Amino acid sequence: MKFFIDTANLAQIKEAQELGVLDGVTTNPSLMAKEGITGRNNILKHYVDICNIVDGDVSAEVISTDLKGMIKEGEELAELHEQIVVKVPMIKDGIKAIKYFTDKGIRTNCTLVFSCGQALLAAKAGAAYVSPFIGRLDDISTDGLNLISEIRHIYDNYEFETQILAASVRHTMHVIDCAKIGADVMTGPLSAIEGLLKHPLTDSGLAKFLEDYQKGN
């Protein structure tokens, strides 16, 4: 499973990259604003800065909700860097845009997916990634992980090449569960990735090793 980090914070992206397990980055206008990145030119520059840190795909989101606007923005984003994947919302014009970009050889990430039907449409249109938001489904007492499992089943039935990118990952167990049910990618905060490092027996075992070493040296 690929590990993406969901942030616009360059320090966190660098930390994840240095860990040696980072495969890409997802971000959005909300995350940009959180880091104080505003204005079209500054946002575009920030996308390039992210691409210069990581080796993998970087999802860059369009703001427009009409087909013409999404095409214009998406083509501009795709020209920034070869690692850019254009993130397009799951709406009617978004599916049209994904098909357009697919035909042009521009990779896309269909975002804000909350049902199997939406994921099926995105795959049919040729999206490189589909992003089901599992955390947001959990927030409304709906099983986000079950959606991942159902999309996996449908994609395997028809050998779709679209990768399932589990988005809105909130914590480390989300990562583990997504790996168990076959998500191709997870994207979440650095804390969710670093949480995989932790186990009390590792800590106590290391402390014991060091204690014994000190006794003999």
C-alpha atoms as a PDB file:
ATOM      1  CA  MET A   1       0.000   0.000   0.000  1.00  0.00           C
ATOM      2  CA  LYS A   2       1.228   3.479  -0.864  1.00  0.00           C
ATOM      3  CA  PHE A   3       1.513   6.101   1.874  1.00  0.00           C
ATOM      4  CA  PHE A   4       0.524   9.660   1.012  1.00  0.00           C
ATOM      5  CA  ILE A   5       0.535  12.531   3.493  1.00  0.00           C
ATOM      6  CA  ASP A   6      -2.455  14.872   3.486  1.00  0.00           C
ATOM      7  CA  THR A   7      -1.052  18.318   4.187  1.00  0.00           C
ATOM      8  CA  ALA A   8       0.432  21.482   2.717  1.00  0.00           C
ATOM      9  CA  ASN A   9       2.985  21.799   5.530  1.00  0.00           C
ATOM     10  CA  LEU A  10       6.443  21.521   3.976  1.00  0.00           C
ATOM     11  CA  ALA A  11       8.139  20.597   7.260  1.00  0.00           C
ATOM     12  CA  GLN A  12       5.791  17.651   7.773  1.00  0.00           C
ATOM     13  CA  ILE A  13       6.222  16.562   4.158  1.00  0.00           C
ATOM     14  CA  LYS A  14      10.013  16.653   4.581  1.00  0.00           C
ATOM     15  CA  GLU A  15       9.744  14.643   7.820  1.00  0.00           C
ATOM     16  CA  ALA A  16       7.623  11.979   6.102  1.00  0.00           C
ATOM     17  CA  GLN A  17      10.000  11.896   3.131  1.00  0.00           C
ATOM     18  CA  GLU A  18      13.002  11.431   5.424  1.00  0.00           C
ATOM     19  CA  LEU A  19      11.236   8.490   7.085  1.00  0.00           C
ATOM     20  CA  GLY A  20      11.690   6.729   3.739  1.00  0.00           C
ATOM     21  CA  VAL A  21       8.136   5.460   3.271  1.00  0.00           C
ATOM     22  CA  LEU A  22       6.390   8.404   1.599  1.00  0.00           C
ATOM     23  CA  ASP A  23       4.909   7.765  -1.831  1.00  0.00           C
ATOM     24  CA  GLY A  24       3.083  11.048  -2.475  1.00  0.00           C
ATOM     25  CA  VAL A  25       1.106  14.018  -1.181  1.00  0.00           C
ATOM     26  CA  THR A  26      -2.505  15.134  -1.292  1.00  0.00           C
ATOM     27  CA  THR A  27      -3.580  18.642  -0.464  1.00  0.00           C
ATOM     28  CA  ASN A  28      -6.515  20.975  -1.010  1.00  0.00           C
ATOM     29  CA  PRO A  29      -7.501  24.657  -0.673  1.00  0.00           C
ATOM     30  CA  SER A  30      -8.375  24.203   3.025  1.00  0.00           C
ATOM     31  CA  LEU A  31      -4.959  22.762   3.813  1.00  0.00           C
ATOM     32  CA  MET A  32      -3.275  25.528   1.815  1.00  0.00           C
ATOM     33  CA  ALA A  33      -5.185  28.166   3.756  1.00  0.00           C
ATOM     34  CA  LYS A  34      -4.215  26.478   7.028  1.00  0.00           C
ATOM     35  CA  GLU A  35      -0.570  27.094   6.146  1.00  0.00           C
ATOM     36  CA  GLY A  36      -1.261  30.695   5.135  1.00  0.00           C
ATOM     37  CA  ILE A  37      -0.806  29.983   1.417  1.00  0.00           C
ATOM     38  CA  THR A  38      -3.198  32.300  -0.425  1.00  0.00           C
ATOM     39  CA  GLY A  39      -3.351  33.809  -3.889  1.00  0.00           C
ATOM     40  CA  ARG A  40      -3.222  31.806  -7.096  1.00  0.00           C
ATOM     41  CA  ASN A  41       0.476  32.355  -7.821  1.00  0.00           C
ATOM     42  CA  ASN A  42       1.529  31.461  -4.280  1.00  0.00           C
ATOM     43  CA  ILE A  43      -0.577  28.298  -4.367  1.00  0.00           C
ATOM     44  CA  LEU A  44       0.886  27.208  -7.695  1.00  0.00           C
ATOM     45  CA  LYS A  45       4.418  27.844  -6.419  1.00  0.00           C
ATOM     46  CA  HIS A  46       3.657  25.821  -3.303  1.00  0.00           C
ATOM     47  CA  TYR A  47       2.609  22.843  -5.400  1.00  0.00           C
ATOM     48  CA  VAL A  48       5.973  22.987  -7.171  1.00  0.00           C
ATOM     49  CA  ASP A  49       7.778  23.251  -3.828  1.00  0.00           C
ATOM     50  CA  ILE A  50       6.002  20.079  -2.692  1.00  0.00           C
ATOM     51  CA  CYS A  51       6.943  18.259  -5.907  1.00  0.00           C
ATOM     52  CA  ASN A  52      10.579  19.199  -5.303  1.00  0.00           C
ATOM     53  CA  ILE A  53      10.498  17.442  -1.928  1.00  0.00           C
ATOM     54  CA  VAL A  54       8.766  14.163  -2.770  1.00  0.00           C
ATOM     55  CA  ASP A  55       9.375  11.573  -5.483  1.00  0.00           C
ATOM     56  CA  GLY A  56       5.770  10.514  -6.032  1.00  0.00           C
ATOM     57  CA  ASP A  57       2.425  11.928  -7.119  1.00  0.00           C
ATOM     58  CA  VAL A  58       1.131  15.230  -5.779  1.00  0.00           C
ATOM     59  CA  SER A  59      -2.623  15.841  -6.012  1.00  0.00           C
ATOM     60  CA  ALA A  60      -3.478  19.451  -6.835  1.00  0.00           C
ATOM     61  CA  GLU A  61      -7.147  20.444  -6.654  1.00  0.00           C
ATOM     62  CA  VAL A  62      -9.180  22.547  -9.067  1.00  0.00           C
ATOM     63  CA  ILE A  63     -11.443  25.213  -7.598  1.00  0.00           C
ATOM     64  CA  SER A  64     -13.928  25.563 -10.450  1.00  0.00           C
ATOM     65  CA  THR A  65     -17.123  23.514 -10.510  1.00  0.00           C
ATOM     66  CA  ASP A  66     -17.969  23.967 -14.208  1.00  0.00           C
ATOM     67  CA  LEU A  67     -16.413  21.921 -17.001  1.00  0.00           C
ATOM     68  CA  LYS A  68     -14.715  24.813 -18.803  1.00  0.00           C
ATOM     69  CA  GLY A  69     -13.207  26.142 -15.595  1.00  0.00           C
ATOM     70  CA  MET A  70     -11.990  22.734 -14.426  1.00  0.00           C
ATOM     71  CA  ILE A  71     -10.329  22.066 -17.780  1.00  0.00           C
ATOM     72  CA  LYS A  72      -8.565  25.428 -17.739  1.00  0.00           C
ATOM     73  CA  GLU A  73      -7.342  25.015 -14.166  1.00  0.00           C
ATOM     74  CA  GLY A  74      -6.460  21.354 -14.570  1.00  0.00           C
ATOM     75  CA  GLU A  75      -4.324  21.946 -17.633  1.00  0.00           C
ATOM     76  CA  GLU A  76      -2.522  24.753 -15.819  1.00  0.00           C
ATOM     77  CA  LEU A  77      -1.872  22.514 -12.829  1.00  0.00           C
ATOM     78  CA  ALA A  78      -0.670  19.604 -14.969  1.00  0.00           C
ATOM     79  CA  GLU A  79       1.867  21.874 -16.669  1.00  0.00           C
ATOM     80  CA  LEU A  80       3.466  22.783 -13.336  1.00  0.00           C
ATOM     81  CA  HIS A  81       5.254  19.472 -12.852  1.00  0.00           C
ATOM     82  CA  GLU A  82       5.139  15.903 -14.168  1.00  0.00           C
ATOM     83  CA  GLN A  83       4.259  14.614 -10.675  1.00  0.00           C
ATOM     84  CA  ILE A  84       1.025  16.620 -10.508  1.00  0.00           C
ATOM     85  CA  VAL A  85      -2.238  14.680 -10.480  1.00  0.00           C
ATOM     86  CA  VAL A  86      -5.285  16.905 -11.035  1.00  0.00           C
ATOM     87  CA  LYS A  87      -7.829  16.507  -8.237  1.00  0.00           C
ATOM     88  CA  VAL A  88     -11.398  16.856  -9.526  1.00  0.00           C
ATOM     89  CA  PRO A  89     -14.632  16.788  -7.468  1.00  0.00           C
ATOM     90  CA  MET A  90     -17.199  14.039  -7.878  1.00  0.00           C
ATOM     91  CA  ILE A  91     -19.871  16.026  -9.711  1.00  0.00           C
ATOM     92  CA  LYS A  92     -21.371  15.680 -13.185  1.00  0.00           C
ATOM     93  CA  ASP A  93     -18.996  18.160 -14.808  1.00  0.00           C
ATOM     94  CA  GLY A  94     -16.187  16.605 -12.792  1.00  0.00           C
ATOM     95  CA  ILE A  95     -16.742  13.243 -14.487  1.00  0.00           C
ATOM     96  CA  LYS A  96     -16.766  14.990 -17.854  1.00  0.00           C
ATOM     97  CA  ALA A  97     -13.513  16.708 -16.940  1.00  0.00           C
ATOM     98  CA  ILE A  98     -11.914  13.429 -15.840  1.00  0.00           C
ATOM     99  CA  LYS A  99     -12.789  11.879 -19.193  1.00  0.00           C
ATOM    100  CA  TYR A 100     -11.353  14.913 -21.001  1.00  0.00           C
ATOM    101  CA  PHE A 101      -8.126  14.783 -18.990  1.00  0.00           C
ATOM    102  CA  THR A 102      -7.836  11.015 -19.459  1.00  0.00           C
ATOM    103  CA  ASP A 103      -8.054  11.427 -23.223  1.00  0.00           C
ATOM    104  CA  LYS A 104      -5.338  14.100 -23.002  1.00  0.00           C
ATOM    105  CA  GLY A 105      -3.030  11.877 -20.942  1.00  0.00           C
ATOM    106  CA  ILE A 106      -3.470  13.954 -17.769  1.00  0.00           C
ATOM    107  CA  ARG A 107      -3.841  11.873 -14.602  1.00  0.00           C
ATOM    108  CA  THR A 108      -6.670  12.666 -12.197  1.00  0.00           C
ATOM    109  CA  ASN A 109      -7.796  12.034  -8.638  1.00  0.00           C
ATOM    110  CA  CYS A 110     -11.567  12.013  -8.218  1.00  0.00           C
ATOM    111  CA  THR A 111     -12.239  13.459  -4.764  1.00  0.00           C
ATOM    112  CA  LEU A 112     -15.204  13.678  -2.388  1.00  0.00           C
ATOM    113  CA  VAL A 113     -16.364  10.146  -3.157  1.00  0.00           C
ATOM    114  CA  PHE A 114     -18.886   8.667  -0.717  1.00  0.00           C
ATOM    115  CA  SER A 115     -20.547   5.794  -2.620  1.00  0.00           C
ATOM    116  CA  CYS A 116     -19.768   2.806  -4.823  1.00  0.00           C
ATOM    117  CA  GLY A 117     -21.740   4.349  -7.668  1.00  0.00           C
ATOM    118  CA  GLN A 118     -19.565   7.438  -7.614  1.00  0.00           C
ATOM    119  CA  ALA A 119     -16.414   5.295  -7.546  1.00  0.00           C
ATOM    120  CA  LEU A 120     -17.701   3.274 -10.502  1.00  0.00           C
ATOM    121  CA  LEU A 121     -18.309   6.405 -12.569  1.00  0.00           C
ATOM    122  CA  ALA A 122     -14.841   7.749 -11.744  1.00  0.00           C
ATOM    123  CA  ALA A 123     -13.211   4.507 -12.858  1.00  0.00           C
ATOM    124  CA  LYS A 124     -15.268   4.406 -16.061  1.00  0.00           C
ATOM    125  CA  ALA A 125     -14.118   7.955 -16.856  1.00  0.00           C
ATOM    126  CA  GLY A 126     -10.497   6.878 -16.401  1.00  0.00           C
ATOM    127  CA  ALA A 127      -9.482   8.455 -13.082  1.00  0.00           C
ATOM    128  CA  ALA A 128      -6.022   7.419 -11.915  1.00  0.00           C
ATOM    129  CA  TYR A 129      -7.195   7.605  -8.307  1.00  0.00           C
ATOM    130  CA  VAL A 130     -10.562   7.634  -6.568  1.00  0.00           C
ATOM    131  CA  SER A 131     -10.710   9.137  -3.069  1.00  0.00           C
ATOM    132  CA  PRO A 132     -13.401   7.761  -0.736  1.00  0.00           C
ATOM    133  CA  PHE A 133     -13.487   9.876   2.448  1.00  0.00           C
ATOM    134  CA  ILE A 134     -13.658   7.240   5.172  1.00  0.00           C
ATOM    135  CA  GLY A 135     -13.254   9.577   8.139  1.00  0.00           C
ATOM    136  CA  ARG A 136     -16.107  11.812   7.089  1.00  0.00           C
ATOM    137  CA  LEU A 137     -18.359   8.774   6.668  1.00  0.00           C
ATOM    138  CA  ASP A 138     -17.411   7.602  10.155  1.00  0.00           C
ATOM    139  CA  ASP A 139     -18.384  11.063  11.425  1.00  0.00           C
ATOM    140  CA  ILE A 140     -22.000  10.457  10.371  1.00  0.00           C
ATOM    141  CA  SER A 141     -22.175   6.903  11.755  1.00  0.00           C
ATOM    142  CA  THR A 142     -21.548   5.255   8.392  1.00  0.00           C
ATOM    143  CA  ASP A 143     -18.888   2.565   7.919  1.00  0.00           C
ATOM    144  CA  GLY A 144     -16.198   4.196   5.779  1.00  0.00           C
ATOM    145  CA  LEU A 145     -14.080   1.057   5.705  1.00  0.00           C
ATOM    146  CA  ASN A 146     -16.980  -0.952   4.300  1.00  0.00           C
ATOM    147  CA  LEU A 147     -17.115   1.467   1.367  1.00  0.00           C
ATOM    148  CA  ILE A 148     -13.431   0.784   0.641  1.00  0.00           C
ATOM    149  CA  SER A 149     -14.126  -2.950   0.727  1.00  0.00           C
ATOM    150  CA  GLU A 150     -17.088  -2.653  -1.652  1.00  0.00           C
ATOM    151  CA  ILE A 151     -15.158  -0.480  -4.121  1.00  0.00           C
ATOM    152  CA  ARG A 152     -12.284  -3.013  -4.022  1.00  0.00           C
ATOM    153  CA  HIS A 153     -14.724  -5.790  -4.896  1.00  0.00           C
ATOM    154  CA  ILE A 154     -16.217  -3.850  -7.831  1.00  0.00           C
ATOM    155  CA  TYR A 155     -12.841  -2.786  -9.218  1.00  0.00           C
ATOM    156  CA  ASP A 156     -11.509  -6.332  -8.991  1.00  0.00           C
ATOM    157  CA  ASN A 157     -14.597  -7.650 -10.781  1.00  0.00           C
ATOM    158  CA  TYR A 158     -13.839  -5.560 -13.853  1.00  0.00           C
ATOM    159  CA  GLU A 159     -10.072  -5.094 -13.532  1.00  0.00           C
ATOM    160  CA  PHE A 160     -10.278  -1.315 -13.343  1.00  0.00           C
ATOM    161  CA  GLU A 161      -6.828   0.264 -13.118  1.00  0.00           C
ATOM    162  CA  THR A 162      -8.085   3.155 -10.973  1.00  0.00           C
ATOM    163  CA  GLN A 163      -6.341   3.087  -7.587  1.00  0.00           C
ATOM    164  CA  ILE A 164      -8.394   3.320  -4.397  1.00  0.00           C
ATOM    165  CA  LEU A 165      -6.979   6.172  -2.349  1.00  0.00           C
ATOM    166  CA  ALA A 166      -8.408   6.003   1.170  1.00  0.00           C
ATOM    167  CA  ALA A 167      -8.797   9.648   2.154  1.00  0.00           C
ATOM    168  CA  SER A 168      -9.789  11.397   5.374  1.00  0.00           C
ATOM    169  CA  VAL A 169      -7.733   8.850   7.291  1.00  0.00           C
ATOM    170  CA  ARG A 170      -7.782  10.003  10.906  1.00  0.00           C
ATOM    171  CA  HIS A 171      -5.605   7.608  12.887  1.00  0.00           C
ATOM    172  CA  THR A 172      -3.258   4.646  12.758  1.00  0.00           C
ATOM    173  CA  MET A 173      -5.939   1.933  12.926  1.00  0.00           C
ATOM    174  CA  HIS A 174      -7.510   3.428   9.809  1.00  0.00           C
ATOM    175  CA  VAL A 175      -4.174   2.769   8.081  1.00  0.00           C
ATOM    176  CA  ILE A 176      -4.042  -0.846   9.282  1.00  0.00           C
ATOM    177  CA  ASP A 177      -7.661  -1.530   8.375  1.00  0.00           C
ATOM    178  CA  CYS A 178      -7.261  -0.005   4.904  1.00  0.00           C
ATOM    179  CA  ALA A 179      -4.233  -2.238   4.320  1.00  0.00           C
ATOM    180  CA  LYS A 180      -6.233  -5.318   5.374  1.00  0.00           C
ATOM    181  CA  ILE A 181      -9.065  -4.675   2.919  1.00  0.00           C
ATOM    182  CA  GLY A 182      -6.879  -3.792  -0.036  1.00  0.00           C
ATOM    183  CA  ALA A 183      -6.802  -0.004  -0.431  1.00  0.00           C
ATOM    184  CA  ASP A 184      -4.076   0.878  -2.915  1.00  0.00           C
ATOM    185  CA  VAL A 185      -3.191   4.118  -1.151  1.00  0.00           C
ATOM    186  CA  MET A 186      -3.901   5.854   2.139  1.00  0.00           C
ATOM    187  CA  THR A 187      -3.589   9.564   2.762  1.00  0.00           C
ATOM    188  CA  GLY A 188      -3.639  11.060   6.202  1.00  0.00           C
ATOM    189  CA  PRO A 189      -1.716  13.112   8.739  1.00  0.00           C
ATOM    190  CA  LEU A 190       1.897  12.440   9.663  1.00  0.00           C
ATOM    191  CA  SER A 191       0.713  11.280  13.094  1.00  0.00           C
ATOM    192  CA  ALA A 192      -1.216   8.379  11.544  1.00  0.00           C
ATOM    193  CA  ILE A 193       1.922   7.166   9.765  1.00  0.00           C
ATOM    194  CA  GLU A 194       4.237   7.655  12.747  1.00  0.00           C
ATOM    195  CA  GLY A 195       1.738   5.824  14.939  1.00  0.00           C
ATOM    196  CA  LEU A 196       2.713   2.625  13.124  1.00  0.00           C
ATOM    197  CA  LEU A 197       6.108   2.862  14.829  1.00  0.00           C
ATOM    198  CA  LYS A 198       4.704   2.614  18.323  1.00  0.00           C
ATOM    199  CA  HIS A 199       4.343  -0.422  20.560  1.00  0.00           C
ATOM    200  CA  PRO A 200       4.900  -0.563  24.344  1.00  0.00           C
ATOM    201  CA  LEU A 201       6.781  -3.856  24.095  1.00  0.00           C
ATOM    202  CA  THR A 202       9.242  -2.258  21.682  1.00  0.00           C
ATOM    203  CA  ASP A 203       9.808   0.575  24.166  1.00  0.00           C
ATOM    204  CA  SER A 204      10.184  -1.714  27.176  1.00  0.00           C
ATOM    205  CA  GLY A 205      12.361  -4.163  25.241  1.00  0.00           C
ATOM    206  CA  LEU A 206      14.722  -1.441  24.092  1.00  0.00           C
ATOM    207  CA  ALA A 207      14.898   0.013  27.598  1.00  0.00           C
ATOM    208  CA  LYS A 208      15.821  -3.450  28.951  1.00  0.00           C
ATOM    209  CA  PHE A 209      18.510  -3.963  26.291  1.00  0.00           C
ATOM    210  CA  LEU A 210      20.068  -0.604  27.134  1.00  0.00           C
ATOM    211  CA  GLU A 211      19.840  -1.268  30.859  1.00  0.00           C
ATOM    212  CA  ASP A 212      21.627  -4.609  30.472  1.00  0.00           C
ATOM    213  CA  TYR A 213      24.281  -3.037  28.262  1.00  0.00           C
ATOM    214  CA  GLN A 214      24.999  -0.372  30.865  1.00  0.00           C
ATOM    215  CA  LYS A 215      25.428  -3.039  33.559  1.00  0.00           C
ATOM    216  CA  GLY A 216      28.127  -4.808  31.564  1.00  0.00           C
ATOM    217  CA  ASN A 217      30.008  -1.755  30.258  1.00  0.00           C
END
